[in-house]
Structure formats: structure tokens, C-alpha cells
């Protein structure tokens, strides 16, 4: 019996060495450092966060953030272009170590992946030229605001704008943007990424943010139960905020500084 017990114990121990002890798992951060490469999924069709540049290579806010993480880790970054539909599956199937793809956080997603601290602002707001003194919904009294019919900005303004404000509703974003650029409306209610595009295409009517309607910042996604990688990513984001590096990325791609308190 003693011999049988000894052999059984040895077999179990050997299995643990071969397959890993129960509950044990590979550490993603350690694997990345050993491989000297990190695979990061970024958007391929959502400027200014991620799109193809003139040379067809990915460019954007998320690409710069990915490269910043690679630099801080001292590893090569392998950029993987994804869409909104496949970005989380790429993470879950280990095709990517991180997803930096203008990813919002919600209860359903938190069931399957973990999130870093916020790395990019993403919000809807009211914008106007810097000369306009507007900082809250009440200040819209007597002014004209352009909004896309059915968009969250239009719905919220309908509830909060004073009765003396005029909301001009347009059927699509292009019409709303054109109305603001041409001066048909004093202000525009839209997302910060759209405001960045307007600022780039029409600097004379560059929209300055007046107040936020809905805040939904972006987070970096990673697989569950990777505390070392999560802590390191959070450390890198915090360092980039403190040094001003993240602010530079925001100015470059969103044409605006990071919001106060971000």
C-alpha cells in the first residue's frame, strides 16, 4: 500500500508540474515581458481614436496610447486593428493582451473583462466659439443651438434648455455640423470627437466646450484575473496624466485639453 501511495503521489505531483496546480494560471504581464511584445487591439474605423493614416498604418489617440504603454513596459507593440464588434472577442481569445479601442464601461462588459482607469475623455456636450459666455444649460437662453434629431444631445437639451432657447434639429450629423460652421446656429450639441473634427476642418469656427451633457470616458480592457497587468496599466496611465503626456495626446487628436478633474 505504501508503494502504491508513493507512486500515486508522484503521479499527481508530476501532473501538477506538467499542467499546473489547480487554480494556477499564467501571469499575463510576466508573459508580455518575457516575449518582449505586447499585442494591443485598436480601432480601425473610428477617427480620431483609430483609423488608417496616409500610409495605411493605424493612427489616432488609441494608437498613441498603445505605443506609450509599450514604451513604458520596454516591449515592442504589435498593433491589431479591430472593429467595435470583434474587439472584446479578440481579447477573450488571447489574440490581444489589451484592448484600447474607445471602450466604454458598463455592467454587462464588467462581467466578462476588467477595465483600467479612464485614459481618454468621451462625452457629449454643448460647444460654441470661445467668445460665447456659456457654461450651463440656463445660459442658452436667447441662443440658437444645432442638434441632430434623435441623438442623445438633442433629447437631453429638449429636457434641460430654457424655453427662450431655440433648438434647431437637423436630420444627420453632417447637416448639424454644416449649420454650425456656416453660422446658422450659435452653438452645437455634439460629441467631443465631432468637435475635434470641426476644429480641424474649420479653425475659424473651432468649437470650445461649454458644458457636458453626458460623460462616458474610455477605458482599457483586459482579461479577468490579471491583477499585475491591471496594476501596471493603471500606473502607466496615472504617470501619463501627471506628466502631461496624456494631455498632449488629447490636444493632438481631440483638439482640446483633458477636462478638469479627468
C-alpha atoms as a PDB file:
ATOM      1  CA  UNK A   1       0.000   0.000   0.000  1.00  0.00           C
ATOM      2  CA  UNK A   2       2.886   2.325   0.851  1.00  0.00           C
ATOM      3  CA  UNK A   3       4.439   1.819  -2.602  1.00  0.00           C
ATOM      4  CA  UNK A   4       1.093   2.434  -4.326  1.00  0.00           C
ATOM      5  CA  UNK A   5       0.563   5.594  -2.259  1.00  0.00           C
ATOM      6  CA  UNK A   6       4.060   6.818  -3.105  1.00  0.00           C
ATOM      7  CA  UNK A   7       3.563   6.208  -6.820  1.00  0.00           C
ATOM      8  CA  UNK A   8       0.169   7.949  -6.760  1.00  0.00           C
ATOM      9  CA  UNK A   9       1.661  10.969  -5.016  1.00  0.00           C
ATOM     10  CA  UNK A  10       4.464  11.145  -7.553  1.00  0.00           C
ATOM     11  CA  UNK A  11       1.978  10.906 -10.433  1.00  0.00           C
ATOM     12  CA  UNK A  12      -0.113  13.742  -9.025  1.00  0.00           C
ATOM     13  CA  UNK A  13       2.967  15.894  -8.452  1.00  0.00           C
ATOM     14  CA  UNK A  14       4.137  15.216 -11.994  1.00  0.00           C
ATOM     15  CA  UNK A  15       0.752  16.219 -13.377  1.00  0.00           C
ATOM     16  CA  UNK A  16       0.900  19.454 -11.414  1.00  0.00           C
ATOM     17  CA  UNK A  17       4.281  20.250 -12.903  1.00  0.00           C
ATOM     18  CA  UNK A  18       3.075  19.427 -16.393  1.00  0.00           C
ATOM     19  CA  UNK A  19      -0.346  21.034 -16.347  1.00  0.00           C
ATOM     20  CA  UNK A  20      -0.102  23.465 -13.445  1.00  0.00           C
ATOM     21  CA  UNK A  21      -1.510  23.310  -9.971  1.00  0.00           C
ATOM     22  CA  UNK A  22      -5.263  23.678  -9.568  1.00  0.00           C
ATOM     23  CA  UNK A  23      -6.187  27.355  -9.704  1.00  0.00           C
ATOM     24  CA  UNK A  24      -2.765  28.358 -11.072  1.00  0.00           C
ATOM     25  CA  UNK A  25      -2.622  30.473 -14.197  1.00  0.00           C
ATOM     26  CA  UNK A  26      -0.050  32.202 -16.337  1.00  0.00           C
ATOM     27  CA  UNK A  27       0.669  35.822 -15.401  1.00  0.00           C
ATOM     28  CA  UNK A  28      -0.057  37.998 -18.439  1.00  0.00           C
ATOM     29  CA  UNK A  29       2.363  40.776 -17.506  1.00  0.00           C
ATOM     30  CA  UNK A  30       5.189  38.304 -16.959  1.00  0.00           C
ATOM     31  CA  UNK A  31       4.426  36.631 -20.298  1.00  0.00           C
ATOM     32  CA  UNK A  32       4.475  40.001 -22.088  1.00  0.00           C
ATOM     33  CA  UNK A  33       7.813  40.971 -20.570  1.00  0.00           C
ATOM     34  CA  UNK A  34       9.330  37.579 -21.444  1.00  0.00           C
ATOM     35  CA  UNK A  35       8.021  37.742 -25.022  1.00  0.00           C
ATOM     36  CA  UNK A  36       9.186  41.384 -25.286  1.00  0.00           C
ATOM     37  CA  UNK A  37       5.979  42.054 -27.227  1.00  0.00           C
ATOM     38  CA  UNK A  38       2.513  43.267 -26.296  1.00  0.00           C
ATOM     39  CA  UNK A  39      -0.454  42.762 -28.618  1.00  0.00           C
ATOM     40  CA  UNK A  40      -2.866  45.685 -28.433  1.00  0.00           C
ATOM     41  CA  UNK A  41      -6.185  45.916 -30.265  1.00  0.00           C
ATOM     42  CA  UNK A  42      -7.064  49.391 -31.548  1.00  0.00           C
ATOM     43  CA  UNK A  43      -9.962  50.700 -33.672  1.00  0.00           C
ATOM     44  CA  UNK A  44      -9.557  50.727 -37.419  1.00  0.00           C
ATOM     45  CA  UNK A  45     -12.620  52.800 -38.313  1.00  0.00           C
ATOM     46  CA  UNK A  46     -13.212  55.365 -35.566  1.00  0.00           C
ATOM     47  CA  UNK A  47     -11.187  58.546 -36.034  1.00  0.00           C
ATOM     48  CA  UNK A  48      -9.672  60.282 -34.162  1.00  0.00           C
ATOM     49  CA  UNK A  49      -9.227  57.272 -31.839  1.00  0.00           C
ATOM     50  CA  UNK A  50      -8.070  54.922 -34.562  1.00  0.00           C
ATOM     51  CA  UNK A  51      -8.068  54.855 -38.344  1.00  0.00           C
ATOM     52  CA  UNK A  52      -5.746  54.272 -41.282  1.00  0.00           C
ATOM     53  CA  UNK A  53      -3.238  57.032 -41.995  1.00  0.00           C
ATOM     54  CA  UNK A  54      -1.936  58.104 -45.422  1.00  0.00           C
ATOM     55  CA  UNK A  55       0.447  55.135 -45.394  1.00  0.00           C
ATOM     56  CA  UNK A  56      -2.448  52.856 -44.311  1.00  0.00           C
ATOM     57  CA  UNK A  57      -0.851  52.330 -40.888  1.00  0.00           C
ATOM     58  CA  UNK A  58      -3.106  52.809 -37.833  1.00  0.00           C
ATOM     59  CA  UNK A  59      -3.042  56.284 -36.301  1.00  0.00           C
ATOM     60  CA  UNK A  60      -5.018  58.008 -33.572  1.00  0.00           C
ATOM     61  CA  UNK A  61      -5.416  58.626 -29.857  1.00  0.00           C
ATOM     62  CA  UNK A  62      -5.675  54.915 -29.064  1.00  0.00           C
ATOM     63  CA  UNK A  63      -2.636  54.067 -31.167  1.00  0.00           C
ATOM     64  CA  UNK A  64      -0.554  56.680 -29.338  1.00  0.00           C
ATOM     65  CA  UNK A  65      -1.789  55.297 -26.005  1.00  0.00           C
ATOM     66  CA  UNK A  66      -0.840  51.773 -27.081  1.00  0.00           C
ATOM     67  CA  UNK A  67       2.647  52.894 -28.068  1.00  0.00           C
ATOM     68  CA  UNK A  68       3.040  54.765 -24.785  1.00  0.00           C
ATOM     69  CA  UNK A  69       2.260  51.578 -22.843  1.00  0.00           C
ATOM     70  CA  UNK A  70       4.724  49.600 -24.925  1.00  0.00           C
ATOM     71  CA  UNK A  71       7.405  52.217 -24.325  1.00  0.00           C
ATOM     72  CA  UNK A  72       6.819  52.187 -20.560  1.00  0.00           C
ATOM     73  CA  UNK A  73       6.968  48.385 -20.486  1.00  0.00           C
ATOM     74  CA  UNK A  74      10.061  48.317 -22.682  1.00  0.00           C
ATOM     75  CA  UNK A  75       8.461  45.969 -25.211  1.00  0.00           C
ATOM     76  CA  UNK A  76       7.520  46.027 -28.871  1.00  0.00           C
ATOM     77  CA  UNK A  77       3.901  46.900 -29.636  1.00  0.00           C
ATOM     78  CA  UNK A  78       2.017  44.728 -32.089  1.00  0.00           C
ATOM     79  CA  UNK A  79      -0.972  46.768 -33.243  1.00  0.00           C
ATOM     80  CA  UNK A  80      -4.071  44.744 -34.111  1.00  0.00           C
ATOM     81  CA  UNK A  81      -6.831  46.635 -35.929  1.00  0.00           C
ATOM     82  CA  UNK A  82     -10.318  45.712 -34.700  1.00  0.00           C
ATOM     83  CA  UNK A  83     -13.910  46.857 -35.009  1.00  0.00           C
ATOM     84  CA  UNK A  84     -16.455  47.534 -32.269  1.00  0.00           C
ATOM     85  CA  UNK A  85     -17.935  44.085 -32.849  1.00  0.00           C
ATOM     86  CA  UNK A  86     -14.786  41.991 -32.505  1.00  0.00           C
ATOM     87  CA  UNK A  87     -12.625  43.955 -30.052  1.00  0.00           C
ATOM     88  CA  UNK A  88     -13.748  42.080 -26.905  1.00  0.00           C
ATOM     89  CA  UNK A  89     -13.671  38.613 -28.563  1.00  0.00           C
ATOM     90  CA  UNK A  90     -10.077  39.331 -29.651  1.00  0.00           C
ATOM     91  CA  UNK A  91      -9.208  39.911 -26.002  1.00  0.00           C
ATOM     92  CA  UNK A  92     -11.062  36.854 -24.716  1.00  0.00           C
ATOM     93  CA  UNK A  93      -9.427  34.536 -27.266  1.00  0.00           C
ATOM     94  CA  UNK A  94      -5.955  35.902 -26.389  1.00  0.00           C
ATOM     95  CA  UNK A  95      -5.441  37.426 -29.829  1.00  0.00           C
ATOM     96  CA  UNK A  96      -4.777  40.638 -27.925  1.00  0.00           C
ATOM     97  CA  UNK A  97      -3.319  41.365 -24.489  1.00  0.00           C
ATOM     98  CA  UNK A  98      -5.135  44.692 -24.190  1.00  0.00           C
ATOM     99  CA  UNK A  99      -7.970  46.463 -25.962  1.00  0.00           C
ATOM    100  CA  UNK A 100      -7.509  50.216 -26.380  1.00  0.00           C
ATOM    101  CA  UNK A 101     -10.468  50.941 -28.595  1.00  0.00           C
ATOM    102  CA  UNK A 102     -12.578  53.836 -27.213  1.00  0.00           C
ATOM    103  CA  UNK A 103     -14.126  51.232 -24.932  1.00  0.00           C
ATOM    104  CA  UNK A 104     -16.875  52.349 -22.570  1.00  0.00           C
ATOM    105  CA  UNK A 105     -17.511  50.572 -19.279  1.00  0.00           C
ATOM    106  CA  UNK A 106     -20.871  49.059 -18.375  1.00  0.00           C
ATOM    107  CA  UNK A 107     -22.215  46.305 -16.124  1.00  0.00           C
ATOM    108  CA  UNK A 108     -22.516  43.725 -18.908  1.00  0.00           C
ATOM    109  CA  UNK A 109     -18.923  44.178 -20.068  1.00  0.00           C
ATOM    110  CA  UNK A 110     -17.640  44.100 -16.496  1.00  0.00           C
ATOM    111  CA  UNK A 111     -18.957  40.543 -16.212  1.00  0.00           C
ATOM    112  CA  UNK A 112     -16.502  39.297 -18.836  1.00  0.00           C
ATOM    113  CA  UNK A 113     -13.485  41.645 -18.807  1.00  0.00           C
ATOM    114  CA  UNK A 114     -11.698  44.048 -16.475  1.00  0.00           C
ATOM    115  CA  UNK A 115     -11.105  47.748 -17.043  1.00  0.00           C
ATOM    116  CA  UNK A 116      -8.270  50.119 -16.296  1.00  0.00           C
ATOM    117  CA  UNK A 117      -8.758  53.644 -15.032  1.00  0.00           C
ATOM    118  CA  UNK A 118     -10.063  56.037 -17.700  1.00  0.00           C
ATOM    119  CA  UNK A 119      -7.460  57.054 -20.273  1.00  0.00           C
ATOM    120  CA  UNK A 120      -9.490  59.206 -22.679  1.00  0.00           C
ATOM    121  CA  UNK A 121     -12.413  61.602 -22.376  1.00  0.00           C
ATOM    122  CA  UNK A 122     -15.511  60.751 -24.371  1.00  0.00           C
ATOM    123  CA  UNK A 123     -18.589  62.856 -23.849  1.00  0.00           C
ATOM    124  CA  UNK A 124     -21.447  64.751 -25.402  1.00  0.00           C
ATOM    125  CA  UNK A 125     -21.650  68.457 -24.779  1.00  0.00           C
ATOM    126  CA  UNK A 126     -22.598  71.897 -25.995  1.00  0.00           C
ATOM    127  CA  UNK A 127     -19.905  73.734 -27.956  1.00  0.00           C
ATOM    128  CA  UNK A 128     -19.538  77.231 -29.303  1.00  0.00           C
ATOM    129  CA  UNK A 129     -16.870  79.739 -30.263  1.00  0.00           C
ATOM    130  CA  UNK A 130     -14.658  80.953 -27.425  1.00  0.00           C
ATOM    131  CA  UNK A 131     -16.352  84.365 -27.480  1.00  0.00           C
ATOM    132  CA  UNK A 132     -19.671  82.957 -26.239  1.00  0.00           C
ATOM    133  CA  UNK A 133     -20.148  83.060 -22.468  1.00  0.00           C
ATOM    134  CA  UNK A 134     -21.989  79.792 -21.857  1.00  0.00           C
ATOM    135  CA  UNK A 135     -21.234  77.345 -19.043  1.00  0.00           C
ATOM    136  CA  UNK A 136     -24.574  75.688 -18.239  1.00  0.00           C
ATOM    137  CA  UNK A 137     -27.956  74.920 -19.798  1.00  0.00           C
ATOM    138  CA  UNK A 138     -29.529  78.082 -18.361  1.00  0.00           C
ATOM    139  CA  UNK A 139     -27.029  80.199 -20.326  1.00  0.00           C
ATOM    140  CA  UNK A 140     -28.606  79.001 -23.583  1.00  0.00           C
ATOM    141  CA  UNK A 141     -31.466  81.483 -23.072  1.00  0.00           C
ATOM    142  CA  UNK A 142     -31.906  83.561 -26.217  1.00  0.00           C
ATOM    143  CA  UNK A 143     -29.394  81.490 -28.183  1.00  0.00           C
ATOM    144  CA  UNK A 144     -29.744  79.019 -31.052  1.00  0.00           C
ATOM    145  CA  UNK A 145     -28.343  75.504 -30.723  1.00  0.00           C
ATOM    146  CA  UNK A 146     -27.959  72.968 -33.513  1.00  0.00           C
ATOM    147  CA  UNK A 147     -28.516  69.282 -32.726  1.00  0.00           C
ATOM    148  CA  UNK A 148     -29.065  66.069 -34.664  1.00  0.00           C
ATOM    149  CA  UNK A 149     -32.621  64.832 -34.360  1.00  0.00           C
ATOM    150  CA  UNK A 150     -32.916  61.765 -32.137  1.00  0.00           C
ATOM    151  CA  UNK A 151     -29.344  61.990 -30.815  1.00  0.00           C
ATOM    152  CA  UNK A 152     -28.793  61.910 -27.069  1.00  0.00           C
ATOM    153  CA  UNK A 153     -27.697  65.558 -27.155  1.00  0.00           C
ATOM    154  CA  UNK A 154     -30.978  66.627 -28.761  1.00  0.00           C
ATOM    155  CA  UNK A 155     -33.018  64.566 -26.297  1.00  0.00           C
ATOM    156  CA  UNK A 156     -31.238  65.997 -23.246  1.00  0.00           C
ATOM    157  CA  UNK A 157     -31.404  69.587 -24.467  1.00  0.00           C
ATOM    158  CA  UNK A 158     -35.125  69.222 -25.069  1.00  0.00           C
ATOM    159  CA  UNK A 159     -35.447  68.479 -21.341  1.00  0.00           C
ATOM    160  CA  UNK A 160     -32.969  70.993 -19.938  1.00  0.00           C
ATOM    161  CA  UNK A 161     -32.750  74.038 -22.241  1.00  0.00           C
ATOM    162  CA  UNK A 162     -34.706  77.141 -21.163  1.00  0.00           C
ATOM    163  CA  UNK A 163     -37.871  77.979 -23.083  1.00  0.00           C
ATOM    164  CA  UNK A 164     -36.236  81.023 -24.680  1.00  0.00           C
ATOM    165  CA  UNK A 165     -33.513  78.890 -26.291  1.00  0.00           C
ATOM    166  CA  UNK A 166     -34.048  77.754 -29.876  1.00  0.00           C
ATOM    167  CA  UNK A 167     -33.059  74.181 -30.711  1.00  0.00           C
ATOM    168  CA  UNK A 168     -32.661  73.685 -34.443  1.00  0.00           C
ATOM    169  CA  UNK A 169     -32.924  69.999 -35.244  1.00  0.00           C
ATOM    170  CA  UNK A 170     -31.192  68.502 -38.278  1.00  0.00           C
ATOM    171  CA  UNK A 171     -31.632  65.078 -39.808  1.00  0.00           C
ATOM    172  CA  UNK A 172     -27.980  63.977 -39.681  1.00  0.00           C
ATOM    173  CA  UNK A 173     -24.624  64.960 -38.217  1.00  0.00           C
ATOM    174  CA  UNK A 174     -23.334  66.450 -41.452  1.00  0.00           C
ATOM    175  CA  UNK A 175     -26.237  68.886 -41.615  1.00  0.00           C
ATOM    176  CA  UNK A 176     -25.780  69.819 -37.957  1.00  0.00           C
ATOM    177  CA  UNK A 177     -22.058  70.424 -38.480  1.00  0.00           C
ATOM    178  CA  UNK A 178     -22.682  72.493 -41.620  1.00  0.00           C
ATOM    179  CA  UNK A 179     -25.185  74.668 -39.738  1.00  0.00           C
ATOM    180  CA  UNK A 180     -22.620  75.459 -37.058  1.00  0.00           C
ATOM    181  CA  UNK A 181     -19.729  76.107 -39.457  1.00  0.00           C
ATOM    182  CA  UNK A 182     -21.856  78.425 -41.595  1.00  0.00           C
ATOM    183  CA  UNK A 183     -23.063  80.367 -38.553  1.00  0.00           C
ATOM    184  CA  UNK A 184     -26.722  79.373 -38.859  1.00  0.00           C
ATOM    185  CA  UNK A 185     -26.632  78.413 -35.170  1.00  0.00           C
ATOM    186  CA  UNK A 186     -24.709  79.934 -32.258  1.00  0.00           C
ATOM    187  CA  UNK A 187     -23.785  76.604 -30.686  1.00  0.00           C
ATOM    188  CA  UNK A 188     -23.739  72.922 -31.474  1.00  0.00           C
ATOM    189  CA  UNK A 189     -24.647  69.967 -29.267  1.00  0.00           C
ATOM    190  CA  UNK A 190     -22.466  67.018 -30.232  1.00  0.00           C
ATOM    191  CA  UNK A 191     -19.728  64.607 -29.133  1.00  0.00           C
ATOM    192  CA  UNK A 192     -16.176  65.676 -28.351  1.00  0.00           C
ATOM    193  CA  UNK A 193     -14.815  63.651 -31.275  1.00  0.00           C
ATOM    194  CA  UNK A 194     -17.084  65.522 -33.712  1.00  0.00           C
ATOM    195  CA  UNK A 195     -15.995  68.809 -32.156  1.00  0.00           C
ATOM    196  CA  UNK A 196     -12.378  67.819 -32.804  1.00  0.00           C
ATOM    197  CA  UNK A 197     -13.136  67.182 -36.483  1.00  0.00           C
ATOM    198  CA  UNK A 198     -14.844  70.589 -36.783  1.00  0.00           C
ATOM    199  CA  UNK A 199     -11.862  72.321 -35.158  1.00  0.00           C
ATOM    200  CA  UNK A 200      -9.512  70.685 -37.638  1.00  0.00           C
ATOM    201  CA  UNK A 201     -11.605  71.415 -40.726  1.00  0.00           C
ATOM    202  CA  UNK A 202     -12.813  74.879 -39.755  1.00  0.00           C
ATOM    203  CA  UNK A 203     -10.383  76.562 -37.356  1.00  0.00           C
ATOM    204  CA  UNK A 204     -12.163  79.902 -37.735  1.00  0.00           C
ATOM    205  CA  UNK A 205     -15.219  78.319 -36.064  1.00  0.00           C
ATOM    206  CA  UNK A 206     -13.284  75.995 -33.757  1.00  0.00           C
ATOM    207  CA  UNK A 207     -15.804  74.839 -31.137  1.00  0.00           C
ATOM    208  CA  UNK A 208     -14.878  75.297 -27.488  1.00  0.00           C
ATOM    209  CA  UNK A 209     -16.591  73.061 -24.949  1.00  0.00           C
ATOM    210  CA  UNK A 210     -19.176  74.939 -22.862  1.00  0.00           C
ATOM    211  CA  UNK A 211     -20.661  72.180 -20.715  1.00  0.00           C
ATOM    212  CA  UNK A 212     -21.016  68.393 -20.657  1.00  0.00           C
ATOM    213  CA  UNK A 213     -24.350  66.710 -21.394  1.00  0.00           C
ATOM    214  CA  UNK A 214     -23.280  63.089 -20.882  1.00  0.00           C
ATOM    215  CA  UNK A 215     -19.908  61.780 -19.770  1.00  0.00           C
ATOM    216  CA  UNK A 216     -18.757  58.319 -20.895  1.00  0.00           C
ATOM    217  CA  UNK A 217     -14.947  58.103 -20.740  1.00  0.00           C
ATOM    218  CA  UNK A 218     -12.877  55.392 -22.396  1.00  0.00           C
ATOM    219  CA  UNK A 219     -11.128  52.566 -20.537  1.00  0.00           C
ATOM    220  CA  UNK A 220      -8.501  49.986 -21.448  1.00  0.00           C
ATOM    221  CA  UNK A 221      -9.886  46.442 -21.480  1.00  0.00           C
ATOM    222  CA  UNK A 222      -8.009  43.383 -20.271  1.00  0.00           C
ATOM    223  CA  UNK A 223      -8.839  39.825 -19.320  1.00  0.00           C
ATOM    224  CA  UNK A 224     -10.205  38.952 -15.901  1.00  0.00           C
ATOM    225  CA  UNK A 225      -7.898  37.966 -13.047  1.00  0.00           C
ATOM    226  CA  UNK A 226      -4.742  39.677 -14.251  1.00  0.00           C
ATOM    227  CA  UNK A 227      -4.012  41.932 -11.243  1.00  0.00           C
ATOM    228  CA  UNK A 228      -0.345  42.530 -12.083  1.00  0.00           C
ATOM    229  CA  UNK A 229      -1.112  43.693 -15.626  1.00  0.00           C
ATOM    230  CA  UNK A 230      -4.043  45.799 -14.436  1.00  0.00           C
ATOM    231  CA  UNK A 231      -1.937  47.496 -11.776  1.00  0.00           C
ATOM    232  CA  UNK A 232       0.843  48.216 -14.268  1.00  0.00           C
ATOM    233  CA  UNK A 233      -1.515  49.675 -16.870  1.00  0.00           C
ATOM    234  CA  UNK A 234      -3.140  51.889 -14.222  1.00  0.00           C
ATOM    235  CA  UNK A 235       0.308  53.016 -13.100  1.00  0.00           C
ATOM    236  CA  UNK A 236       1.259  53.957 -16.674  1.00  0.00           C
ATOM    237  CA  UNK A 237      -1.969  55.906 -17.241  1.00  0.00           C
ATOM    238  CA  UNK A 238      -1.552  57.760 -13.927  1.00  0.00           C
ATOM    239  CA  UNK A 239       2.044  58.635 -14.790  1.00  0.00           C
ATOM    240  CA  UNK A 240       0.989  59.908 -18.239  1.00  0.00           C
ATOM    241  CA  UNK A 241      -1.666  62.125 -16.656  1.00  0.00           C
ATOM    242  CA  UNK A 242       0.751  63.531 -14.083  1.00  0.00           C
ATOM    243  CA  UNK A 243       3.499  64.210 -16.632  1.00  0.00           C
ATOM    244  CA  UNK A 244       1.179  65.892 -19.120  1.00  0.00           C
ATOM    245  CA  UNK A 245       1.811  63.237 -21.764  1.00  0.00           C
ATOM    246  CA  UNK A 246      -1.857  62.243 -21.829  1.00  0.00           C
ATOM    247  CA  UNK A 247      -2.845  65.885 -22.158  1.00  0.00           C
ATOM    248  CA  UNK A 248      -0.598  66.189 -25.214  1.00  0.00           C
ATOM    249  CA  UNK A 249      -2.288  63.186 -26.823  1.00  0.00           C
ATOM    250  CA  UNK A 250      -5.684  64.773 -26.132  1.00  0.00           C
ATOM    251  CA  UNK A 251      -4.601  68.105 -27.652  1.00  0.00           C
ATOM    252  CA  UNK A 252      -3.189  66.292 -30.681  1.00  0.00           C
ATOM    253  CA  UNK A 253      -6.224  64.156 -31.516  1.00  0.00           C
ATOM    254  CA  UNK A 254      -9.204  65.741 -29.745  1.00  0.00           C
ATOM    255  CA  UNK A 255      -8.027  69.344 -30.200  1.00  0.00           C
ATOM    256  CA  UNK A 256      -8.794  70.025 -26.557  1.00  0.00           C
ATOM    257  CA  UNK A 257      -7.100  69.589 -23.170  1.00  0.00           C
ATOM    258  CA  UNK A 258      -8.219  66.878 -20.795  1.00  0.00           C
ATOM    259  CA  UNK A 259     -11.365  68.033 -18.962  1.00  0.00           C
ATOM    260  CA  UNK A 260     -10.945  69.404 -15.442  1.00  0.00           C
ATOM    261  CA  UNK A 261     -10.986  66.600 -12.909  1.00  0.00           C
ATOM    262  CA  UNK A 262     -10.396  63.868 -15.512  1.00  0.00           C
END
